[in-house]
Protein backbone atom coordinates (compact mmCIF):
# COMPACT_ATOMS: atom_id res chain seq x y z
CA MET A 1 -16.78 2.24 -4.41
CA ILE A 2 -15.26 4.33 -1.42
CA GLU A 3 -12.08 6.08 -1.66
CA GLU A 4 -10.40 7.35 1.66
CA GLU A 5 -7.37 9.72 1.81
CA VAL A 6 -5.03 7.68 4.32
CA GLN A 7 -1.68 8.00 6.51
CA THR A 8 0.22 5.41 7.87
CA SER A 9 3.46 5.47 9.76
CA ALA A 10 6.69 4.30 8.34
CA LEU A 11 10.20 3.99 9.71
CA ASP A 12 11.32 7.05 7.60
CA GLY A 13 8.32 9.33 8.46
CA THR A 14 4.22 9.43 7.64
CA ALA A 15 3.40 8.15 4.31
CA ASP A 16 0.28 9.51 2.66
CA GLY A 17 -2.00 7.67 0.07
CA LEU A 18 -5.40 6.54 -0.96
CA PHE A 19 -7.53 3.33 0.05
CA TYR A 20 -10.15 2.23 -1.93
CA GLN A 21 -12.83 -0.60 -1.20
CA PRO A 22 -16.11 -1.68 -2.51
CA GLU A 23 -19.17 0.04 -1.13
CA LYS A 24 -20.80 -3.09 0.11
CA GLY A 25 -19.68 -4.40 3.35
CA GLY A 26 -17.25 -7.30 3.79
CA ARG A 27 -13.44 -8.04 3.53
CA TRP A 28 -11.57 -8.07 0.32
CA PRO A 29 -8.23 -9.39 -0.92
CA GLY A 30 -5.52 -6.63 -0.63
CA VAL A 31 -3.86 -5.04 -3.41
CA PHE A 32 -0.99 -2.55 -3.65
CA PHE A 33 -1.15 -0.18 -6.70
CA LEU A 34 2.04 1.90 -7.21
CA THR A 35 1.97 4.74 -9.52
CA ASP A 36 4.40 5.72 -12.22
CA ILE A 37 7.04 8.42 -11.57
CA GLY A 38 4.05 11.25 -11.99
CA GLY A 39 2.60 10.17 -8.46
CA ILE A 40 -0.94 9.99 -7.51
CA ARG A 41 -3.38 11.94 -9.63
CA ALA A 42 -6.49 11.42 -11.72
CA SER A 43 -5.10 8.80 -14.03
CA GLN A 44 -3.74 6.64 -11.27
CA ARG A 45 -6.67 7.05 -9.27
CA ALA A 46 -8.82 5.53 -12.18
CA ILE A 47 -6.63 2.65 -12.47
CA ALA A 48 -6.63 2.30 -8.47
CA ALA A 49 -10.62 2.43 -8.81
CA ARG A 50 -10.79 -0.09 -11.41
CA ILE A 51 -8.75 -2.67 -9.73
CA CYS A 52 -11.09 -2.12 -6.64
CA SER A 53 -14.28 -2.48 -8.95
CA GLU A 54 -13.06 -6.24 -9.41
CA GLY A 55 -13.58 -6.84 -5.76
CA TYR A 56 -10.11 -5.73 -4.03
CA ALA A 57 -9.31 -3.37 -1.34
CA VAL A 58 -6.39 -1.25 -2.73
CA PHE A 59 -3.83 0.87 -1.21
CA MET A 60 -2.18 3.42 -3.39
CA PRO A 61 0.76 4.73 -0.94
CA ASN A 62 2.46 8.06 -2.41
CA LEU A 63 5.83 6.32 -2.56
CA PHE A 64 7.45 9.52 -2.80
CA TYR A 65 6.43 10.89 0.59
CA ARG A 66 9.97 11.63 1.72
CA THR A 67 10.17 14.27 -1.07
CA GLY A 68 6.52 15.49 -1.21
CA ARG A 69 3.01 15.27 -1.28
CA PRO A 70 0.90 15.19 -4.66
CA PRO A 71 0.78 16.90 -7.17
CA LEU A 72 4.49 16.19 -7.40
CA PHE A 73 5.21 17.86 -10.62
CA GLU A 74 4.52 21.56 -11.77
CA PRO A 75 1.76 21.88 -14.51
CA GLY A 76 2.90 21.82 -17.95
CA LEU A 77 6.29 20.10 -17.60
CA LYS A 78 6.97 17.74 -20.59
CA PHE A 79 9.10 14.48 -19.97
CA ALA A 80 12.46 15.54 -21.61
CA ASP A 81 12.46 19.13 -20.04
CA ASP A 82 15.56 19.56 -17.83
CA LYS A 83 13.06 20.64 -14.69
CA PHE A 84 11.35 17.48 -15.18
CA LEU A 85 14.44 15.22 -15.22
CA LYS A 86 15.97 16.93 -12.13
CA ARG A 87 12.41 16.51 -10.22
CA MET A 88 12.64 12.69 -11.31
CA GLY A 89 15.95 12.64 -9.46
CA GLU A 90 14.75 14.41 -6.40
CA LEU A 91 12.05 11.89 -6.25
CA THR A 92 13.79 8.74 -7.00
CA ALA A 93 17.09 9.19 -5.22
CA PRO A 94 15.62 8.67 -1.90
CA LEU A 95 13.59 5.45 -2.76
CA THR A 96 16.70 3.25 -2.34
CA PRO A 97 16.57 -0.62 -2.17
CA GLU A 98 16.90 -0.17 1.65
CA ALA A 99 14.10 2.40 1.75
CA VAL A 100 11.61 0.37 -0.31
CA GLY A 101 12.52 -2.82 2.12
CA ARG A 102 11.64 -0.60 5.24
CA ASP A 103 8.45 0.67 3.46
CA THR A 104 7.14 -2.32 2.36
CA GLY A 105 6.70 -3.73 6.19
CA SER A 106 4.93 -0.49 6.96
CA TYR A 107 2.45 -0.87 3.96
CA VAL A 108 1.86 -4.77 4.62
CA ASP A 109 1.33 -3.96 8.26
CA PHE A 110 -1.33 -1.18 7.14
CA LEU A 111 -3.31 -3.57 4.86
CA ALA A 112 -3.09 -6.35 7.36
CA ARG A 113 -4.76 -4.42 10.17
CA HIS A 114 -7.54 -2.53 7.88
CA GLN A 115 -10.95 -3.86 8.91
CA ALA A 116 -12.06 -4.11 5.27
CA VAL A 117 -8.90 -6.35 4.14
CA LYS A 118 -9.34 -9.88 4.13
CA LYS A 119 -6.71 -12.09 5.85
CA GLY A 120 -4.37 -13.66 3.37
CA PRO A 121 -1.44 -12.81 0.92
CA PHE A 122 -1.78 -9.57 -1.21
CA GLY A 123 -1.02 -8.66 -4.82
CA ALA A 124 1.25 -5.52 -6.21
CA VAL A 125 1.31 -3.98 -9.39
CA GLY A 126 3.70 -1.10 -10.38
CA LEU A 127 3.99 0.94 -13.56
CA CYS A 128 7.08 2.23 -15.13
CA PHE A 129 9.77 3.07 -12.25
CA THR A 130 7.65 1.09 -9.71
CA GLY A 131 7.57 -2.29 -11.69
CA ALA A 132 10.86 -2.72 -10.06
CA VAL A 133 9.58 -1.63 -6.67
CA VAL A 134 7.11 -4.57 -7.19
CA LEU A 135 9.74 -6.94 -7.27
CA ARG A 136 11.60 -5.39 -4.23
CA MET A 137 8.52 -5.64 -2.35
CA ALA A 138 7.91 -9.22 -3.05
CA ALA A 139 11.34 -9.81 -1.82
CA ALA A 140 11.05 -8.05 1.29
CA CYS A 141 7.99 -9.75 2.34
CA PRO A 142 7.89 -13.07 0.49
CA ASP A 143 5.02 -14.74 2.44
CA GLN A 144 2.74 -11.58 2.40
CA ILE A 145 2.97 -10.90 -1.52
CA ALA A 146 1.60 -13.62 -3.70
CA ALA A 147 1.55 -11.70 -6.96
CA GLY A 148 3.37 -9.10 -8.52
CA ALA A 149 2.76 -7.15 -11.91
CA SER A 150 4.93 -4.71 -13.79
CA PHE A 151 3.91 -3.05 -16.61
CA HIS A 152 6.45 -0.84 -18.98
CA GLY A 153 8.44 -1.45 -16.07
CA GLY A 154 11.84 0.12 -16.50
CA ARG A 155 15.49 -1.28 -15.54
CA LEU A 156 13.95 -4.72 -14.40
CA TYR A 157 17.65 -6.17 -15.53
CA THR A 158 20.66 -4.12 -15.23
CA ASP A 159 24.62 -5.35 -14.61
CA ALA A 160 24.31 -3.18 -11.40
CA PRO A 161 24.59 -5.18 -7.90
CA THR A 162 21.26 -3.69 -6.95
CA SER A 163 19.37 -4.94 -10.09
CA PRO A 164 15.78 -6.16 -9.35
CA HIS A 165 16.22 -9.50 -11.03
CA LEU A 166 18.94 -10.54 -8.41
CA LEU A 167 16.10 -10.68 -5.91
CA LEU A 168 14.51 -13.34 -7.56
CA PRO A 169 15.75 -16.38 -5.48
CA LYS A 170 13.78 -14.32 -2.37
CA ILE A 171 10.33 -13.97 -4.04
CA LYS A 172 7.57 -16.68 -3.77
CA ALA A 173 4.94 -14.53 -5.87
CA ARG A 174 3.67 -15.33 -9.08
CA LEU A 175 4.82 -12.48 -11.38
CA TYR A 176 3.59 -10.90 -14.67
CA PHE A 177 5.74 -8.64 -16.89
CA GLY A 178 4.03 -6.52 -19.69
CA HIS A 179 7.00 -4.88 -21.58
CA ALA A 180 6.68 -2.11 -23.79
CA THR A 181 7.90 -2.30 -27.63
CA LYS A 182 11.45 -0.37 -28.27
CA ASP A 183 11.49 0.87 -24.50
CA ASN A 184 14.91 2.69 -23.84
CA SER A 185 14.62 1.75 -20.18
CA MET A 186 13.83 -2.03 -20.84
CA PRO A 187 15.30 -2.61 -24.32
CA GLN A 188 14.93 -6.14 -25.90
CA ASP A 189 18.58 -7.27 -24.60
CA ALA A 190 17.43 -6.69 -20.99
CA ILE A 191 14.14 -8.37 -21.70
CA ASP A 192 15.83 -11.49 -22.80
CA LYS A 193 18.24 -11.52 -20.03
CA LEU A 194 15.13 -11.02 -17.41
CA ASN A 195 13.59 -14.03 -19.14
CA ASN A 196 16.55 -16.01 -18.94
CA ALA A 197 16.78 -15.11 -14.88
CA LEU A 198 13.21 -15.75 -14.60
CA GLN A 199 13.75 -19.37 -16.19
CA ALA A 200 16.53 -20.10 -13.90
CA TRP A 201 14.50 -18.81 -10.96
CA GLY A 202 11.90 -21.37 -11.64
CA GLY A 203 8.88 -19.86 -10.02
CA ARG A 204 5.52 -19.18 -11.76
CA TYR A 205 5.79 -15.93 -14.39
CA GLU A 206 4.74 -14.68 -17.52
CA SER A 207 6.72 -12.30 -19.64
CA LYS A 208 5.24 -10.53 -22.74
CA VAL A 209 6.08 -7.71 -25.14
CA TYR A 210 2.97 -5.80 -25.90
CA ASP A 211 3.28 -5.17 -29.82
CA GLY A 212 2.94 -1.52 -30.72
CA ALA A 213 2.66 -0.38 -27.15
CA HIS A 214 5.30 2.07 -26.19
CA HIS A 215 6.31 3.11 -22.58
CA GLY A 216 3.53 4.18 -20.52
CA TRP A 217 0.57 2.57 -22.88
CA THR A 218 -1.64 1.98 -19.77
CA VAL A 219 -1.65 5.38 -18.54
CA THR A 220 -4.38 7.87 -19.82
CA ASP A 221 -2.52 11.10 -19.42
CA ASN A 222 0.67 9.67 -21.23
CA PRO A 223 1.26 10.51 -24.75
CA ALA A 224 1.95 6.89 -25.54
CA TYR A 225 -1.79 5.56 -24.15
CA ASN A 226 -2.65 2.73 -26.06
CA PRO A 227 -6.41 1.90 -25.27
CA ALA A 228 -6.79 -1.50 -26.67
CA GLN A 229 -3.53 -2.74 -25.23
CA ALA A 230 -4.14 -0.93 -21.85
CA GLU A 231 -7.40 -3.00 -21.80
CA HIS A 232 -5.35 -6.37 -22.40
CA ALA A 233 -2.77 -5.04 -19.76
CA PHE A 234 -5.85 -4.89 -17.14
CA LYS A 235 -7.32 -8.11 -18.25
CA ALA A 236 -4.14 -9.90 -17.63
CA LEU A 237 -3.55 -8.10 -14.32
CA ASN A 238 -7.17 -9.50 -13.35
CA ARG A 239 -6.23 -12.79 -14.12
CA LEU A 240 -3.38 -12.69 -12.13
CA PHE A 241 -4.94 -11.57 -9.16
CA ALA A 242 -8.07 -13.87 -9.67
CA GLN A 243 -5.80 -16.71 -9.55
CA SER A 244 -3.53 -15.72 -6.98
CA LEU A 245 -5.54 -13.89 -4.49
CA LEU A 246 -9.25 -15.21 -4.52
């Protein structure tokens, strides 16, 4: 596997990130891996590398390039700390639905032009905050995103006029949602409402609550990391991409 630091021109500046491709030559189906709020770091690089090992070219953009480059948090900060919450606001505030739409076009162009990427639609997977970003990307470029997955994604269904679920009519991708148990950012009532919206949408999807898995369970440096359920999640992601992109 080859890991490469890359930059791509976006409408709002220069976006940095990492690109992964299998060592043997060829062209591979393209995938976007979107990090959780913690940004690019060892745990996220390991996930991107594992996706690549299944035969994909993976672009992991620094979604928060408007604010800074990794590392995005000071060492030792804890999730509930005031400094952590303040930093979260600094990172997420510029990433409006409109900004995600602008970035999506740039990211799609990057994969489409890369010599190691097979021509065809792409996949996308997001964790936590970026589960919603996957839906926004799939709606922004419906003909280019064929598969989208969210694991312990937050605020996928809200009462706000910008709720991600309202974008479903624009989406053509096959979708997968792996929900956490007792997740304050996506409680059971919101999951039920999302499932109703998905059923009304009529597209291909799967929505599942992972028993005993709490918010962040797929990430090794998260206190909620659950190895067994993380493995189930990866297998589900691999099936989604295999059935949609290969």
